[in-house]
Amino acid sequence: MNLIYECARPLLAACNPETAHSLTLRGLRLSGRFSGGGKPQGTAVELAGLTFSNRVGLAAGFDKNGEAIVGLTRLGFGFIEIGGVTPLAQPGNPKPRVYRLASYGAVINRLGFNNDGVERIHDRLKQTPAIKPTLLGVNLGINRDTPIEEAARDYLTCMRSLCEFADYFTINISSPNTPRLRELHYGQQLKLTLKSVLTERDKLVQTSGCRLPVFVKVSPDLDTITTQELAQRIREAGCDGLIATNTTTDRSSIRHRLANQEGGLSGRPLLERSLSTVMCIREAVGADFPIVGVGGISSGTDAIAMREAGADLIQVYTALVYRGPRLVRELVSATD
């Protein structure tokens, strides 16, 4: 895969970001079809009732529709998170909506939960070969026109449809590209949403045959007190872990002609903010609550820093765009 990537890299760099991403997914899909799944390297980790074959996962957003799961396993990930998935298919925001900031190893996107919808993704997963021991997470979002007061309805619809395929669910309350979604970080709306999600999770034990862990993905754009209070409420609600963080709307770390583009910033400029958020959360929830660190990790050194900040597992996305598949084994080695 590394050789193929190096050969294709000039072509991908010359394409607009969405076209390049589509071509990459197509290549990974073909790779999985003809070569089957590979075995992840590294030492297994027990966390949240699951066995992760290593500490390195693919963050949500790379394979929104679960198109290339088998091919992605061959890169060596211990877990893969697809989505965000919404009940109804939606095209997302108007194009162009993805921008590379190559000098920063960064990307700005305002995709807006573009995906095929839960029914089509269900049918695709039904046809996808098992990828064990790699685990499959499903990141859940809400449709753009869903009132925030009814967010739980969308999460539950997706959980019911996909519980037979998922090893865990992630409740995405932090994408900056869906109006009002980040309001779910606060107060009674958070409490009611999590209560509905966790009640439904317990009901689905009869359907899936096992208790599926529920993680919550949070924003990096909160102050320290709010972050700690949020983390404590998520733990007290009965969730199984936190994923920190999503993309940021802050631009103070970059000076670039594209800096004013709307959307979430990911990649290297996000690292310090994500590390700080993980440290803050770890202090709030104690040593035994699972945290997945994501945001700006682009080297083994970054991965070690994220572990030292308090993350049990890590995820990557943007750095994979710039560094290619060899990054995965580097991260596995660093966190083993």
Protein backbone atom coordinates (compact mmCIF):
# COMPACT_ATOMS: atom_id res chain seq x y z
CA MET A 1 0.00 0.00 0.00
CA ASN A 2 2.86 2.39 0.74
CA LEU A 3 4.26 2.02 -2.78
CA ILE A 4 0.86 2.51 -4.36
CA TYR A 5 0.32 5.62 -2.28
CA GLU A 6 3.69 7.12 -3.21
CA CYS A 7 2.96 6.54 -6.89
CA ALA A 8 -0.51 8.05 -6.63
CA ARG A 9 0.48 10.95 -4.38
CA PRO A 10 1.29 13.50 -7.14
CA LEU A 11 -2.05 12.79 -8.84
CA LEU A 12 -3.98 13.11 -5.58
CA ALA A 13 -2.22 16.36 -4.69
CA ALA A 14 -3.18 17.82 -8.07
CA CYS A 15 -6.88 17.05 -7.55
CA ASN A 16 -9.24 19.12 -5.47
CA PRO A 17 -9.51 17.64 -1.96
CA GLU A 18 -12.89 15.95 -2.36
CA THR A 19 -11.94 14.35 -5.66
CA ALA A 20 -8.67 13.12 -4.15
CA HIS A 21 -10.54 11.67 -1.21
CA SER A 22 -13.03 9.91 -3.47
CA LEU A 23 -10.18 8.37 -5.49
CA THR A 24 -8.47 7.23 -2.29
CA LEU A 25 -11.62 5.53 -1.05
CA ARG A 26 -12.06 3.84 -4.41
CA GLY A 27 -8.52 2.48 -4.24
CA LEU A 28 -9.01 1.22 -0.70
CA ARG A 29 -12.32 -0.37 -1.65
CA LEU A 30 -10.66 -2.23 -4.52
CA SER A 31 -7.77 -3.24 -2.28
CA GLY A 32 -10.15 -4.82 0.19
CA ARG A 33 -12.11 -6.57 -2.53
CA PHE A 34 -9.13 -8.27 -4.12
CA SER A 35 -6.80 -8.75 -1.18
CA GLY A 36 -9.04 -9.34 1.81
CA GLY A 37 -8.44 -7.98 5.29
CA GLY A 38 -5.06 -7.78 6.96
CA LYS A 39 -4.08 -8.40 10.56
CA PRO A 40 -3.36 -5.35 12.71
CA GLN A 41 -0.05 -5.25 14.54
CA GLY A 42 0.61 -4.22 18.13
CA THR A 43 -0.52 -5.28 21.56
CA ALA A 44 -4.19 -5.74 22.35
CA VAL A 45 -5.85 -3.39 24.85
CA GLU A 46 -8.94 -4.09 26.96
CA LEU A 47 -11.13 -1.01 27.25
CA ALA A 48 -14.84 -0.30 27.74
CA GLY A 49 -15.58 -4.01 27.59
CA LEU A 50 -13.90 -4.35 24.19
CA THR A 51 -10.59 -5.77 23.00
CA PHE A 52 -8.80 -3.31 20.72
CA SER A 53 -6.07 -5.09 18.77
CA ASN A 54 -3.92 -1.94 19.06
CA ARG A 55 -4.34 1.64 20.27
CA VAL A 56 -4.58 3.32 16.85
CA GLY A 57 -7.88 3.97 15.13
CA LEU A 58 -9.22 5.76 12.07
CA ALA A 59 -11.33 8.77 13.03
CA ALA A 60 -14.84 9.30 11.73
CA GLY A 61 -15.21 11.28 8.54
CA PHE A 62 -12.66 9.45 6.43
CA ASP A 63 -15.06 6.67 5.42
CA LYS A 64 -18.43 8.26 6.07
CA ASN A 65 -20.46 5.59 4.30
CA GLY A 66 -18.57 2.43 5.21
CA GLU A 67 -17.36 1.92 1.65
CA ALA A 68 -13.76 0.82 2.26
CA ILE A 69 -13.76 -0.89 5.64
CA VAL A 70 -11.94 -4.03 4.54
CA GLY A 71 -9.28 -2.13 2.63
CA LEU A 72 -8.73 0.16 5.61
CA THR A 73 -8.10 -2.79 7.92
CA ARG A 74 -5.11 -3.70 5.77
CA LEU A 75 -3.40 -0.47 6.85
CA GLY A 76 -3.09 -1.86 10.37
CA PHE A 77 -5.73 0.01 12.35
CA GLY A 78 -6.94 -1.52 15.59
CA PHE A 79 -10.35 0.08 15.12
CA ILE A 80 -12.16 1.97 12.38
CA GLU A 81 -14.92 4.51 12.93
CA ILE A 82 -17.28 5.20 10.05
CA GLY A 83 -19.78 8.04 9.73
CA GLY A 84 -21.17 10.41 10.77
CA VAL A 85 -24.33 8.62 9.82
CA THR A 86 -27.72 10.34 9.81
CA PRO A 87 -31.19 8.80 9.43
CA LEU A 88 -31.82 10.40 6.04
CA ALA A 89 -29.31 10.79 3.23
CA GLN A 90 -28.13 14.35 2.80
CA PRO A 91 -25.74 16.07 0.39
CA GLY A 92 -24.10 18.31 2.96
CA ASN A 93 -23.07 21.90 2.36
CA PRO A 94 -22.47 23.40 -1.11
CA LYS A 95 -19.10 22.85 -2.75
CA PRO A 96 -16.30 23.81 -2.51
CA ARG A 97 -16.24 22.86 1.16
CA VAL A 98 -12.84 21.26 1.81
CA TYR A 99 -9.55 23.17 1.74
CA ARG A 100 -5.98 21.96 2.17
CA LEU A 101 -3.53 24.08 4.14
CA ALA A 102 -0.52 22.01 3.20
CA SER A 103 2.08 24.24 4.85
CA TYR A 104 0.35 23.55 8.16
CA GLY A 105 -0.48 19.90 7.50
CA ALA A 106 -4.08 20.99 8.00
CA VAL A 107 -7.53 20.91 6.43
CA ILE A 108 -10.60 23.10 6.79
CA ASN A 109 -13.91 21.41 6.03
CA ARG A 110 -17.55 22.37 6.21
CA LEU A 111 -18.93 19.14 4.76
CA GLY A 112 -22.03 19.07 6.96
CA PHE A 113 -22.66 15.35 7.59
CA ASN A 114 -22.93 14.44 3.91
CA ASN A 115 -23.72 10.71 3.83
CA ASP A 116 -25.86 8.05 2.18
CA GLY A 117 -28.32 7.74 5.08
CA VAL A 118 -28.71 4.90 7.54
CA GLU A 119 -30.75 2.54 5.34
CA ARG A 120 -28.20 2.45 2.55
CA ILE A 121 -25.30 2.18 4.99
CA HIS A 122 -27.11 -0.69 6.74
CA ASP A 123 -27.38 -2.54 3.43
CA ARG A 124 -23.70 -1.89 2.66
CA LEU A 125 -22.54 -3.16 6.04
CA LYS A 126 -24.68 -6.26 5.59
CA GLN A 127 -22.58 -7.08 2.52
CA THR A 128 -19.23 -6.23 4.14
CA PRO A 129 -17.08 -9.16 5.30
CA ALA A 130 -16.21 -9.37 8.98
CA ILE A 131 -13.04 -7.46 9.85
CA LYS A 132 -12.20 -8.99 13.23
CA PRO A 133 -10.03 -8.48 15.21
CA THR A 134 -10.29 -4.85 14.04
CA LEU A 135 -13.28 -3.21 15.70
CA LEU A 136 -15.92 -1.12 13.96
CA GLY A 137 -17.28 2.04 15.50
CA VAL A 138 -20.20 4.02 14.09
CA ASN A 139 -20.29 7.78 14.55
CA LEU A 140 -23.86 9.07 14.74
CA GLY A 141 -25.07 12.52 13.74
CA ILE A 142 -28.36 14.29 13.17
CA ASN A 143 -29.96 15.52 9.98
CA ARG A 144 -29.56 19.21 9.27
CA ASP A 145 -33.29 19.94 9.54
CA THR A 146 -33.79 17.98 12.78
CA PRO A 147 -34.66 20.36 15.66
CA ILE A 148 -31.96 20.12 18.31
CA GLU A 149 -34.67 19.25 20.84
CA GLU A 150 -35.30 16.07 18.83
CA ALA A 151 -31.67 15.07 18.32
CA ALA A 152 -32.10 11.89 20.34
CA ARG A 153 -34.64 10.64 17.80
CA ASP A 154 -32.01 10.67 15.04
CA TYR A 155 -29.37 8.98 17.20
CA LEU A 156 -31.82 6.24 18.20
CA THR A 157 -32.92 5.61 14.61
CA CYS A 158 -29.34 4.97 13.56
CA MET A 159 -28.56 2.83 16.62
CA ARG A 160 -31.50 0.54 15.94
CA SER A 161 -30.52 0.09 12.32
CA LEU A 162 -26.80 -0.49 12.78
CA CYS A 163 -26.48 -2.24 16.16
CA GLU A 164 -25.90 -5.64 14.56
CA PHE A 165 -22.75 -4.39 12.82
CA ALA A 166 -21.20 -1.99 15.33
CA ASP A 167 -18.78 -2.74 18.14
CA TYR A 168 -19.43 0.69 19.64
CA PHE A 169 -21.33 3.90 18.92
CA THR A 170 -20.07 7.47 19.08
CA ILE A 171 -22.60 10.23 19.72
CA ASN A 172 -21.35 13.23 17.79
CA ILE A 173 -22.41 16.43 19.56
CA SER A 174 -19.47 18.50 18.36
CA SER A 175 -19.37 18.91 14.58
CA PRO A 176 -19.21 22.66 13.88
CA ASN A 177 -20.93 22.21 10.52
CA THR A 178 -24.45 21.29 11.64
CA PRO A 179 -26.47 24.23 13.01
CA ARG A 180 -27.01 24.18 16.79
CA LEU A 181 -25.43 20.74 17.26
CA ARG A 182 -22.90 22.01 19.79
CA GLU A 183 -25.79 23.13 22.00
CA LEU A 184 -25.92 19.48 23.10
CA HIS A 185 -22.82 20.12 25.21
CA TYR A 186 -24.92 21.94 27.78
CA GLY A 187 -27.53 21.52 30.46
CA GLN A 188 -30.83 19.72 30.30
CA GLN A 189 -30.63 18.98 26.57
CA LEU A 190 -27.42 16.98 27.09
CA LYS A 191 -28.95 15.11 30.03
CA LEU A 192 -32.12 14.17 28.17
CA THR A 193 -30.28 13.16 24.99
CA LEU A 194 -27.83 10.90 26.79
CA LYS A 195 -30.60 9.35 28.87
CA SER A 196 -32.53 8.44 25.71
CA VAL A 197 -29.43 7.07 23.98
CA LEU A 198 -28.34 4.92 26.91
CA THR A 199 -31.84 3.60 27.55
CA GLU A 200 -32.06 2.56 23.92
CA ARG A 201 -28.57 0.99 24.09
CA ASP A 202 -29.71 -1.20 26.97
CA LYS A 203 -32.83 -2.26 25.06
CA LEU A 204 -30.71 -3.22 22.05
CA VAL A 205 -28.82 -5.84 24.05
CA GLN A 206 -31.55 -8.27 23.04
CA THR A 207 -31.08 -7.40 19.35
CA SER A 208 -27.29 -7.29 19.12
CA GLY A 209 -26.55 -9.94 21.73
CA CYS A 210 -24.14 -7.68 23.58
CA ARG A 211 -23.95 -4.33 25.34
CA LEU A 212 -22.50 -1.82 22.89
CA PRO A 213 -20.33 0.88 24.48
CA VAL A 214 -21.35 4.47 23.87
CA PHE A 215 -18.72 7.19 23.49
CA VAL A 216 -19.36 10.92 23.15
CA LYS A 217 -17.26 13.09 20.84
CA VAL A 218 -16.69 16.57 22.21
CA SER A 219 -15.49 19.95 20.99
CA PRO A 220 -12.03 21.45 21.56
CA ASP A 221 -13.54 24.93 21.74
CA LEU A 222 -14.75 24.93 25.35
CA ASP A 223 -13.13 26.58 28.32
CA THR A 224 -11.56 24.47 31.05
CA ILE A 225 -14.44 24.62 33.52
CA THR A 226 -17.05 23.80 30.88
CA THR A 227 -14.96 20.91 29.54
CA GLN A 228 -14.53 19.38 32.98
CA GLU A 229 -18.19 19.77 33.88
CA LEU A 230 -19.18 18.22 30.54
CA ALA A 231 -16.85 15.26 31.03
CA GLN A 232 -18.20 14.63 34.51
CA ARG A 233 -21.80 14.74 33.30
CA ILE A 234 -21.03 12.31 30.48
CA ARG A 235 -19.44 9.88 32.92
CA GLU A 236 -22.23 10.24 35.47
CA ALA A 237 -24.84 9.60 32.77
CA GLY A 238 -23.39 6.12 32.23
CA CYS A 239 -21.53 6.57 28.96
CA ASP A 240 -18.48 4.40 28.35
CA GLY A 241 -15.93 6.97 27.25
CA LEU A 242 -15.10 10.25 25.55
CA ILE A 243 -13.51 11.10 22.22
CA ALA A 244 -11.57 14.35 22.33
CA THR A 245 -11.69 16.20 20.05
CA ASN A 246 -13.60 17.21 16.97
CA THR A 247 -12.36 20.01 14.69
CA THR A 248 -11.98 23.59 15.87
CA THR A 249 -13.46 26.84 14.64
CA ASP A 250 -10.56 28.79 16.16
CA ARG A 251 -7.98 30.16 13.71
CA SER A 252 -5.52 31.79 16.12
CA SER A 253 -2.85 29.14 15.41
CA ILE A 254 -2.63 29.79 11.65
CA ARG A 255 -1.81 32.59 9.24
CA HIS A 256 -3.04 31.49 5.84
CA ARG A 257 -5.02 32.93 2.92
CA LEU A 258 -7.70 30.28 3.55
CA ALA A 259 -7.93 30.85 7.28
CA ASN A 260 -11.24 32.70 7.00
CA GLN A 261 -13.03 29.84 5.29
CA GLU A 262 -15.93 28.62 7.42
CA GLY A 263 -15.77 25.14 8.89
CA GLY A 264 -13.70 23.01 11.21
CA LEU A 265 -9.90 23.11 11.22
CA SER A 266 -8.08 19.80 11.62
CA GLY A 267 -4.47 18.66 11.41
CA ARG A 268 -1.29 19.81 13.11
CA PRO A 269 -2.60 23.19 14.35
CA LEU A 270 -5.21 21.33 16.42
CA LEU A 271 -2.72 19.20 18.38
CA GLU A 272 -2.02 21.52 21.32
CA ARG A 273 -5.71 22.26 21.78
CA SER A 274 -6.58 18.55 21.69
CA LEU A 275 -3.79 17.66 24.13
CA SER A 276 -5.01 20.33 26.51
CA THR A 277 -8.60 19.07 26.26
CA VAL A 278 -7.56 15.47 26.93
CA MET A 279 -5.53 16.52 29.99
CA CYS A 280 -8.46 18.55 31.23
CA ILE A 281 -10.87 15.64 30.78
CA ARG A 282 -8.54 13.16 32.43
CA GLU A 283 -8.29 15.37 35.48
CA ALA A 284 -12.09 15.56 35.64
CA VAL A 285 -12.99 11.90 35.16
CA GLY A 286 -10.14 10.11 36.91
CA ALA A 287 -7.78 7.42 35.73
CA ASP A 288 -10.23 4.66 34.86
CA PHE A 289 -12.57 6.33 32.34
CA PRO A 290 -11.71 5.64 28.67
CA ILE A 291 -10.54 8.58 26.56
CA VAL A 292 -9.78 8.49 22.84
CA GLY A 293 -7.42 11.30 21.83
CA VAL A 294 -7.76 12.72 18.32
CA GLY A 295 -6.73 15.96 16.69
CA GLY A 296 -3.45 16.90 15.08
CA ILE A 297 -1.59 13.64 15.61
CA SER A 298 0.86 13.33 12.72
CA SER A 299 3.85 11.40 14.11
CA GLY A 300 4.89 8.85 16.68
CA THR A 301 6.03 11.70 18.90
CA ASP A 302 2.57 13.25 18.77
CA ALA A 303 1.00 9.91 19.60
CA ILE A 304 3.22 9.53 22.66
CA ALA A 305 2.31 13.06 23.75
CA MET A 306 -1.38 12.22 23.45
CA ARG A 307 -0.92 9.09 25.55
CA GLU A 308 0.99 11.08 28.16
CA ALA A 309 -1.83 13.63 28.20
CA GLY A 310 -4.17 10.85 29.31
CA ALA A 311 -5.58 9.20 26.16
CA ASP A 312 -6.00 5.43 26.23
CA LEU A 313 -6.46 5.19 22.47
CA ILE A 314 -5.77 7.56 19.59
CA GLN A 315 -7.37 8.28 16.22
CA VAL A 316 -6.06 9.92 13.06
CA TYR A 317 -7.49 11.32 9.85
CA THR A 318 -5.91 14.49 8.44
CA ALA A 319 -2.31 13.31 8.86
CA LEU A 320 -3.19 10.21 6.86
CA VAL A 321 -3.95 12.53 3.94
CA TYR A 322 -0.49 14.07 4.08
CA ARG A 323 1.66 11.14 5.20
CA GLY A 324 -0.10 8.12 3.77
CA PRO A 325 -0.51 4.59 5.12
CA ARG A 326 3.00 4.25 6.55
CA LEU A 327 1.85 6.57 9.35
CA VAL A 328 -0.39 3.88 10.85
CA ARG A 329 2.44 1.47 11.64
CA GLU A 330 4.53 4.32 13.00
CA LEU A 331 1.75 5.22 15.42
CA VAL A 332 1.13 1.61 16.42
CA SER A 333 4.81 1.18 17.20
CA ALA A 334 4.92 4.42 19.21
CA THR A 335 1.90 3.51 21.35
CA ASP A 336 2.60 -0.21 21.78
